[in-house]
PDB file of N, CA and C in Angstrom:
ATOM      1  N   MET A   1     149.776 118.791   8.480  1.00  0.00           N
ATOM      2  CA  MET A   1     149.454 118.682   7.062  1.00  0.00           C
ATOM      3  C   MET A   1     148.077 118.029   6.925  1.00  0.00           C
ATOM      4  N   LYS A   2     147.248 118.615   6.101  1.00  0.00           N
ATOM      5  CA  LYS A   2     145.883 118.142   5.926  1.00  0.00           C
ATOM      6  C   LYS A   2     145.848 116.845   5.122  1.00  0.00           C
ATOM      7  N   GLN A   3     144.822 116.035   5.382  1.00  0.00           N
ATOM      8  CA  GLN A   3     144.600 114.804   4.618  1.00  0.00           C
ATOM      9  C   GLN A   3     143.713 115.126   3.412  1.00  0.00           C
ATOM     10  N   GLY A   4     143.628 114.191   2.492  1.00  0.00           N
ATOM     11  CA  GLY A   4     142.803 114.397   1.308  1.00  0.00           C
ATOM     12  C   GLY A   4     143.661 114.770   0.123  1.00  0.00           C
ATOM     13  N   SER A   5     143.017 115.182  -0.945  1.00  0.00           N
ATOM     14  CA  SER A   5     143.727 115.504  -2.180  1.00  0.00           C
ATOM     15  C   SER A   5     143.958 117.008  -2.286  1.00  0.00           C
ATOM     16  N   VAL A   6     145.172 117.376  -2.664  1.00  0.00           N
ATOM     17  CA  VAL A   6     145.481 118.779  -2.927  1.00  0.00           C
ATOM     18  C   VAL A   6     144.836 119.137  -4.272  1.00  0.00           C
ATOM     19  N   PRO A   7     144.092 120.245  -4.350  1.00  0.00           N
ATOM     20  CA  PRO A   7     143.506 120.633  -5.641  1.00  0.00           C
ATOM     21  C   PRO A   7     144.580 120.888  -6.701  1.00  0.00           C
ATOM     22  N   VAL A   8     144.272 120.545  -7.946  1.00  0.00           N
ATOM     23  CA  VAL A   8     145.211 120.751  -9.051  1.00  0.00           C
ATOM     24  C   VAL A   8     145.623 122.227  -9.123  1.00  0.00           C
ATOM     25  N   ALA A   9     144.676 123.138  -8.914  1.00  0.00           N
ATOM     26  CA  ALA A   9     144.977 124.576  -8.988  1.00  0.00           C
ATOM     27  C   ALA A   9     146.017 124.993  -7.949  1.00  0.00           C
ATOM     28  N   VAL A  10     145.949 124.393  -6.747  1.00  0.00           N
ATOM     29  CA  VAL A  10     146.924 124.708  -5.692  1.00  0.00           C
ATOM     30  C   VAL A  10     148.307 124.182  -6.091  1.00  0.00           C
ATOM     31  N   ALA A  11     148.367 122.948  -6.590  1.00  0.00           N
ATOM     32  CA  ALA A  11     149.650 122.384  -7.028  1.00  0.00           C
ATOM     33  C   ALA A  11     150.239 123.221  -8.163  1.00  0.00           C
ATOM     34  N   ALA A  12     149.402 123.707  -9.070  1.00  0.00           N
ATOM     35  CA  ALA A  12     149.874 124.537 -10.186  1.00  0.00           C
ATOM     36  C   ALA A  12     150.527 125.817  -9.662  1.00  0.00           C
ATOM     37  N   LYS A  13     149.926 126.436  -8.640  1.00  0.00           N
ATOM     38  CA  LYS A  13     150.508 127.648  -8.044  1.00  0.00           C
ATOM     39  C   LYS A  13     151.852 127.332  -7.391  1.00  0.00           C
ATOM     40  N   VAL A  14     151.923 126.196  -6.695  1.00  0.00           N
ATOM     41  CA  VAL A  14     153.155 125.811  -6.000  1.00  0.00           C
ATOM     42  C   VAL A  14     154.300 125.657  -7.005  1.00  0.00           C
ATOM     43  N   TYR A  15     154.026 125.022  -8.143  1.00  0.00           N
ATOM     44  CA  TYR A  15     155.056 124.804  -9.165  1.00  0.00           C
ATOM     45  C   TYR A  15     155.231 126.000 -10.094  1.00  0.00           C
ATOM     46  N   GLY A  16     154.296 126.956 -10.035  1.00  0.00           N
ATOM     47  CA  GLY A  16     154.359 128.106 -10.942  1.00  0.00           C
ATOM     48  C   GLY A  16     154.053 127.714 -12.374  1.00  0.00           C
ATOM     49  N   LYS A  17     153.173 126.738 -12.538  1.00  0.00           N
ATOM     50  CA  LYS A  17     152.837 126.200 -13.866  1.00  0.00           C
ATOM     51  C   LYS A  17     151.330 126.222 -14.075  1.00  0.00           C
ATOM     52  N   ASP A  18     150.921 125.937 -15.302  1.00  0.00           N
ATOM     53  CA  ASP A  18     149.515 125.833 -15.664  1.00  0.00           C
ATOM     54  C   ASP A  18     148.940 124.529 -15.106  1.00  0.00           C
ATOM     55  N   PRO A  19     147.648 124.512 -14.719  1.00  0.00           N
ATOM     56  CA  PRO A  19     147.051 123.249 -14.253  1.00  0.00           C
ATOM     57  C   PRO A  19     147.179 122.104 -15.262  1.00  0.00           C
ATOM     58  N   ALA A  20     147.164 122.408 -16.556  1.00  0.00           N
ATOM     59  CA  ALA A  20     147.315 121.362 -17.579  1.00  0.00           C
ATOM     60  C   ALA A  20     148.685 120.682 -17.467  1.00  0.00           C
ATOM     61  N   TRP A  21     149.717 121.443 -17.062  1.00  0.00           N
ATOM     62  CA  TRP A  21     151.066 120.895 -16.881  1.00  0.00           C
ATOM     63  C   TRP A  21     151.061 119.882 -15.739  1.00  0.00           C
ATOM     64  N   ILE A  22     150.351 120.225 -14.656  1.00  0.00           N
ATOM     65  CA  ILE A  22     150.236 119.323 -13.504  1.00  0.00           C
ATOM     66  C   ILE A  22     149.533 118.029 -13.928  1.00  0.00           C
ATOM     67  N   ARG A  23     148.387 118.171 -14.605  1.00  0.00           N
ATOM     68  CA  ARG A  23     147.612 116.992 -15.031  1.00  0.00           C
ATOM     69  C   ARG A  23     148.430 116.104 -15.968  1.00  0.00           C
ATOM     70  N   ALA A  24     149.101 116.714 -16.951  1.00  0.00           N
ATOM     71  CA  ALA A  24     149.915 115.942 -17.903  1.00  0.00           C
ATOM     72  C   ALA A  24     151.070 115.242 -17.187  1.00  0.00           C
ATOM     73  N   GLY A  25     151.683 115.913 -16.214  1.00  0.00           N
ATOM     74  CA  GLY A  25     152.794 115.327 -15.468  1.00  0.00           C
ATOM     75  C   GLY A  25     152.381 114.131 -14.634  1.00  0.00           C
ATOM     76  N   ILE A  26     151.195 114.229 -14.028  1.00  0.00           N
ATOM     77  CA  ILE A  26     150.693 113.110 -13.226  1.00  0.00           C
ATOM     78  C   ILE A  26     150.365 111.925 -14.128  1.00  0.00           C
ATOM     79  N   VAL A  27     149.659 112.184 -15.227  1.00  0.00           N
ATOM     80  CA  VAL A  27     149.286 111.100 -16.151  1.00  0.00           C
ATOM     81  C   VAL A  27     150.524 110.447 -16.745  1.00  0.00           C
ATOM     82  N   SER A  28     151.493 111.260 -17.182  1.00  0.00           N
ATOM     83  CA  SER A  28     152.706 110.729 -17.827  1.00  0.00           C
ATOM     84  C   SER A  28     153.652 110.049 -16.851  1.00  0.00           C
ATOM     85  N   GLY A  29     153.564 110.430 -15.582  1.00  0.00           N
ATOM     86  CA  GLY A  29     154.408 109.803 -14.573  1.00  0.00           C
ATOM     87  C   GLY A  29     155.669 110.562 -14.238  1.00  0.00           C
ATOM     88  N   TRP A  30     155.963 111.663 -14.919  1.00  0.00           N
ATOM     89  CA  TRP A  30     157.188 112.409 -14.589  1.00  0.00           C
ATOM     90  C   TRP A  30     156.981 113.389 -13.441  1.00  0.00           C
ATOM     91  N   LEU A  31     155.744 113.528 -12.976  1.00  0.00           N
ATOM     92  CA  LEU A  31     155.463 114.327 -11.784  1.00  0.00           C
ATOM     93  C   LEU A  31     154.824 113.377 -10.760  1.00  0.00           C
ATOM     94  N   PRO A  32     155.668 112.710  -9.954  1.00  0.00           N
ATOM     95  CA  PRO A  32     155.178 111.616  -9.093  1.00  0.00           C
ATOM     96  C   PRO A  32     154.537 112.093  -7.792  1.00  0.00           C
ATOM     97  N   ILE A  33     153.517 112.960  -7.899  1.00  0.00           N
ATOM     98  CA  ILE A  33     152.880 113.489  -6.693  1.00  0.00           C
ATOM     99  C   ILE A  33     151.469 112.953  -6.498  1.00  0.00           C
ATOM    100  N   GLY A  34     151.006 112.121  -7.425  1.00  0.00           N
ATOM    101  CA  GLY A  34     149.643 111.606  -7.297  1.00  0.00           C
ATOM    102  C   GLY A  34     149.302 110.659  -8.427  1.00  0.00           C
ATOM    103  N   ARG A  35     147.988 110.508  -8.658  1.00  0.00           N
ATOM    104  CA  ARG A  35     147.547 109.611  -9.724  1.00  0.00           C
ATOM    105  C   ARG A  35     146.268 110.152 -10.352  1.00  0.00           C
ATOM    106  N   ALA A  36     146.022 109.692 -11.559  1.00  0.00           N
ATOM    107  CA  ALA A  36     144.818 110.091 -12.291  1.00  0.00           C
ATOM    108  C   ALA A  36     144.003 108.835 -12.568  1.00  0.00           C
ATOM    109  N   THR A  37     142.695 108.910 -12.309  1.00  0.00           N
ATOM    110  CA  THR A  37     141.832 107.748 -12.542  1.00  0.00           C
ATOM    111  C   THR A  37     140.551 108.164 -13.252  1.00  0.00           C
ATOM    112  N   ARG A  38     139.997 107.224 -13.993  1.00  0.00           N
ATOM    113  CA  ARG A  38     138.675 107.386 -14.598  1.00  0.00           C
ATOM    114  C   ARG A  38     137.936 106.089 -14.341  1.00  0.00           C
ATOM    115  N   ALA A  39     136.797 106.175 -13.677  1.00  0.00           N
ATOM    116  CA  ALA A  39     135.983 104.995 -13.349  1.00  0.00           C
ATOM    117  C   ALA A  39     136.818 103.915 -12.656  1.00  0.00           C
ATOM    118  N   GLY A  40     137.711 104.345 -11.761  1.00  0.00           N
ATOM    119  CA  GLY A  40     138.519 103.406 -10.988  1.00  0.00           C
ATOM    120  C   GLY A  40     139.761 102.887 -11.682  1.00  0.00           C
ATOM    121  N   LYS A  41     139.955 103.233 -12.967  1.00  0.00           N
ATOM    122  CA  LYS A  41     141.119 102.762 -13.718  1.00  0.00           C
ATOM    123  C   LYS A  41     142.177 103.866 -13.750  1.00  0.00           C
ATOM    124  N   VAL A  42     143.419 103.513 -13.429  1.00  0.00           N
ATOM    125  CA  VAL A  42     144.503 104.496 -13.442  1.00  0.00           C
ATOM    126  C   VAL A  42     144.826 104.874 -14.886  1.00  0.00           C
ATOM    127  N   ILE A  43     144.934 106.172 -15.128  1.00  0.00           N
ATOM    128  CA  ILE A  43     145.245 106.704 -16.456  1.00  0.00           C
ATOM    129  C   ILE A  43     146.743 106.994 -16.519  1.00  0.00           C
ATOM    130  N   THR A  44     147.423 106.416 -17.521  1.00  0.00           N
ATOM    131  CA  THR A  44     148.874 106.591 -17.614  1.00  0.00           C
ATOM    132  C   THR A  44     149.327 107.046 -18.999  1.00  0.00           C
ATOM    133  N   SER A  45     148.384 107.381 -19.874  1.00  0.00           N
ATOM    134  CA  SER A  45     148.733 107.788 -21.232  1.00  0.00           C
ATOM    135  C   SER A  45     148.033 109.098 -21.576  1.00  0.00           C
ATOM    136  N   LEU A  46     148.774 110.020 -22.200  1.00  0.00           N
ATOM    137  CA  LEU A  46     148.178 111.292 -22.596  1.00  0.00           C
ATOM    138  C   LEU A  46     147.038 111.086 -23.589  1.00  0.00           C
ATOM    139  N   ASP A  47     147.091 109.998 -24.366  1.00  0.00           N
ATOM    140  CA  ASP A  47     146.005 109.692 -25.309  1.00  0.00           C
ATOM    141  C   ASP A  47     144.677 109.469 -24.590  1.00  0.00           C
ATOM    142  N   GLU A  48     144.750 109.026 -23.335  1.00  0.00           N
ATOM    143  CA  GLU A  48     143.540 108.758 -22.552  1.00  0.00           C
ATOM    144  C   GLU A  48     142.962 110.016 -21.911  1.00  0.00           C
ATOM    145  N   MET A  49     143.619 111.167 -22.109  1.00  0.00           N
ATOM    146  CA  MET A  49     143.157 112.407 -21.501  1.00  0.00           C
ATOM    147  C   MET A  49     142.033 113.072 -22.307  1.00  0.00           C
ATOM    148  N   ASP A  50     141.565 112.427 -23.366  1.00  0.00           N
ATOM    149  CA  ASP A  50     140.484 112.956 -24.190  1.00  0.00           C
ATOM    150  C   ASP A  50     139.221 113.113 -23.343  1.00  0.00           C
ATOM    151  N   SER A  51     138.682 114.328 -23.276  1.00  0.00           N
ATOM    152  CA  SER A  51     137.507 114.578 -22.428  1.00  0.00           C
ATOM    153  C   SER A  51     136.270 113.826 -22.913  1.00  0.00           C
ATOM    154  N   LYS A  52     136.258 113.403 -24.166  1.00  0.00           N
ATOM    155  CA  LYS A  52     135.116 112.635 -24.682  1.00  0.00           C
ATOM    156  C   LYS A  52     135.005 111.266 -24.004  1.00  0.00           C
ATOM    157  N   LEU A  53     136.100 110.801 -23.430  1.00  0.00           N
ATOM    158  CA  LEU A  53     136.114 109.487 -22.770  1.00  0.00           C
ATOM    159  C   LEU A  53     135.550 109.558 -21.351  1.00  0.00           C
ATOM    160  N   GLY A  54     135.325 110.761 -20.847  1.00  0.00           N
ATOM    161  CA  GLY A  54     134.788 110.919 -19.490  1.00  0.00           C
ATOM    162  C   GLY A  54     135.739 111.672 -18.588  1.00  0.00           C
ATOM    163  N   ARG A  55     135.238 112.042 -17.442  1.00  0.00           N
ATOM    164  CA  ARG A  55     135.993 112.850 -16.485  1.00  0.00           C
ATOM    165  C   ARG A  55     137.122 112.045 -15.837  1.00  0.00           C
ATOM    166  N   ILE A  56     138.258 112.700 -15.685  1.00  0.00           N
ATOM    167  CA  ILE A  56     139.395 112.109 -14.978  1.00  0.00           C
ATOM    168  C   ILE A  56     139.457 112.748 -13.597  1.00  0.00           C
ATOM    169  N   ASN A  57     139.624 111.925 -12.584  1.00  0.00           N
ATOM    170  CA  ASN A  57     139.797 112.409 -11.220  1.00  0.00           C
ATOM    171  C   ASN A  57     141.282 112.387 -10.889  1.00  0.00           C
ATOM    172  N   TYR A  58     141.763 113.493 -10.337  1.00  0.00           N
ATOM    173  CA  TYR A  58     143.174 113.604  -9.969  1.00  0.00           C
ATOM    174  C   TYR A  58     143.300 113.588  -8.462  1.00  0.00           C
ATOM    175  N   TYR A  59     144.170 112.715  -7.960  1.00  0.00           N
ATOM    176  CA  TYR A  59     144.492 112.692  -6.539  1.00  0.00           C
ATOM    177  C   TYR A  59     145.928 113.167  -6.407  1.00  0.00           C
ATOM    178  N   ILE A  60     146.138 114.231  -5.654  1.00  0.00           N
ATOM    179  CA  ILE A  60     147.487 114.728  -5.394  1.00  0.00           C
ATOM    180  C   ILE A  60     147.748 114.556  -3.905  1.00  0.00           C
ATOM    181  N   SER A  61     148.767 113.776  -3.591  1.00  0.00           N
ATOM    182  CA  SER A  61     149.126 113.470  -2.209  1.00  0.00           C
ATOM    183  C   SER A  61     149.781 114.679  -1.540  1.00  0.00           C
ATOM    184  N   PRO A  62     149.205 115.152  -0.415  1.00  0.00           N
ATOM    185  CA  PRO A  62     149.852 116.248   0.310  1.00  0.00           C
ATOM    186  C   PRO A  62     151.288 115.896   0.717  1.00  0.00           C
ATOM    187  N   GLN A  63     151.517 114.632   1.105  1.00  0.00           N
ATOM    188  CA  GLN A  63     152.852 114.192   1.531  1.00  0.00           C
ATOM    189  C   GLN A  63     153.849 114.220   0.373  1.00  0.00           C
ATOM    190  N   LYS A  64     153.432 113.694  -0.797  1.00  0.00           N
ATOM    191  CA  LYS A  64     154.349 113.668  -1.951  1.00  0.00           C
ATOM    192  C   LYS A  64     154.628 115.073  -2.468  1.00  0.00           C
ATOM    193  N   LEU A  65     153.597 115.952  -2.434  1.00  0.00           N
ATOM    194  CA  LEU A  65     153.808 117.342  -2.840  1.00  0.00           C
ATOM    195  C   LEU A  65     154.809 118.011  -1.901  1.00  0.00           C
ATOM    196  N   TYR A  66     154.666 117.750  -0.600  1.00  0.00           N
ATOM    197  CA  TYR A  66     155.589 118.304   0.386  1.00  0.00           C
ATOM    198  C   TYR A  66     157.015 117.797   0.160  1.00  0.00           C
ATOM    199  N   GLU A  67     157.150 116.493  -0.091  1.00  0.00           N
ATOM    200  CA  GLU A  67     158.481 115.902  -0.305  1.00  0.00           C
ATOM    201  C   GLU A  67     159.146 116.493  -1.550  1.00  0.00           C
ATOM    202  N   ASP A  68     158.360 116.786  -2.578  1.00  0.00           N
ATOM    203  CA  ASP A  68     158.906 117.292  -3.839  1.00  0.00           C
ATOM    204  C   ASP A  68     159.189 118.793  -3.793  1.00  0.00           C
ATOM    205  N   THR A  69     158.381 119.559  -3.019  1.00  0.00           N
ATOM    206  CA  THR A  69     158.486 121.020  -3.087  1.00  0.00           C
ATOM    207  C   THR A  69     158.744 121.698  -1.741  1.00  0.00           C
ATOM    208  N   GLY A  70     158.466 120.999  -0.635  1.00  0.00           N
ATOM    209  CA  GLY A  70     158.568 121.630   0.673  1.00  0.00           C
ATOM    210  C   GLY A  70     157.314 122.415   1.038  1.00  0.00           C
ATOM    211  N   TYR A  71     156.303 122.373   0.176  1.00  0.00           N
ATOM    212  CA  TYR A  71     155.057 123.097   0.421  1.00  0.00           C
ATOM    213  C   TYR A  71     154.125 122.261   1.286  1.00  0.00           C
ATOM    214  N   GLU A  72     153.676 122.846   2.385  1.00  0.00           N
ATOM    215  CA  GLU A  72     152.774 122.142   3.286  1.00  0.00           C
ATOM    216  C   GLU A  72     151.342 122.628   3.056  1.00  0.00           C
ATOM    217  N   TRP A  73     150.492 121.727   2.569  1.00  0.00           N
ATOM    218  CA  TRP A  73     149.094 122.063   2.247  1.00  0.00           C
ATOM    219  C   TRP A  73     148.233 121.944   3.491  1.00  0.00           C
ATOM    220  N   ASN A  74     147.462 123.003   3.767  1.00  0.00           N
ATOM    221  CA  ASN A  74     146.608 123.009   4.958  1.00  0.00           C
ATOM    222  C   ASN A  74     145.128 123.142   4.621  1.00  0.00           C
ATOM    223  N   GLY A  75     144.758 122.792   3.402  1.00  0.00           N
ATOM    224  CA  GLY A  75     143.342 122.759   3.061  1.00  0.00           C
ATOM    225  C   GLY A  75     142.853 123.959   2.278  1.00  0.00           C
ATOM    226  N   GLU A  76     143.716 124.934   2.006  1.00  0.00           N
ATOM    227  CA  GLU A  76     143.259 126.102   1.253  1.00  0.00           C
ATOM    228  C   GLU A  76     143.042 125.739  -0.214  1.00  0.00           C
ATOM    229  N   ARG A  77     142.202 126.495  -0.883  1.00  0.00           N
ATOM    230  CA  ARG A  77     141.870 126.232  -2.300  1.00  0.00           C
ATOM    231  C   ARG A  77     142.698 127.128  -3.203  1.00  0.00           C
TER     232      ARG A  77
END
């Protein structure tokens, strides 16, 4: 299993959902596969997802994605 962050688009394909669903799930906490941060601060509220506030970086753990879905990420986009 590759190290680093799984791209949101890859996680969306694995779950069969829209990338926005993945992002909202990570921020809200009901999809415990990673975390969302802006300028080093963890984002935990959908109200903070306003793009005017700046870019949010999403980290999706390959291990947590595997534990939740059985999907093994090998670095593909």
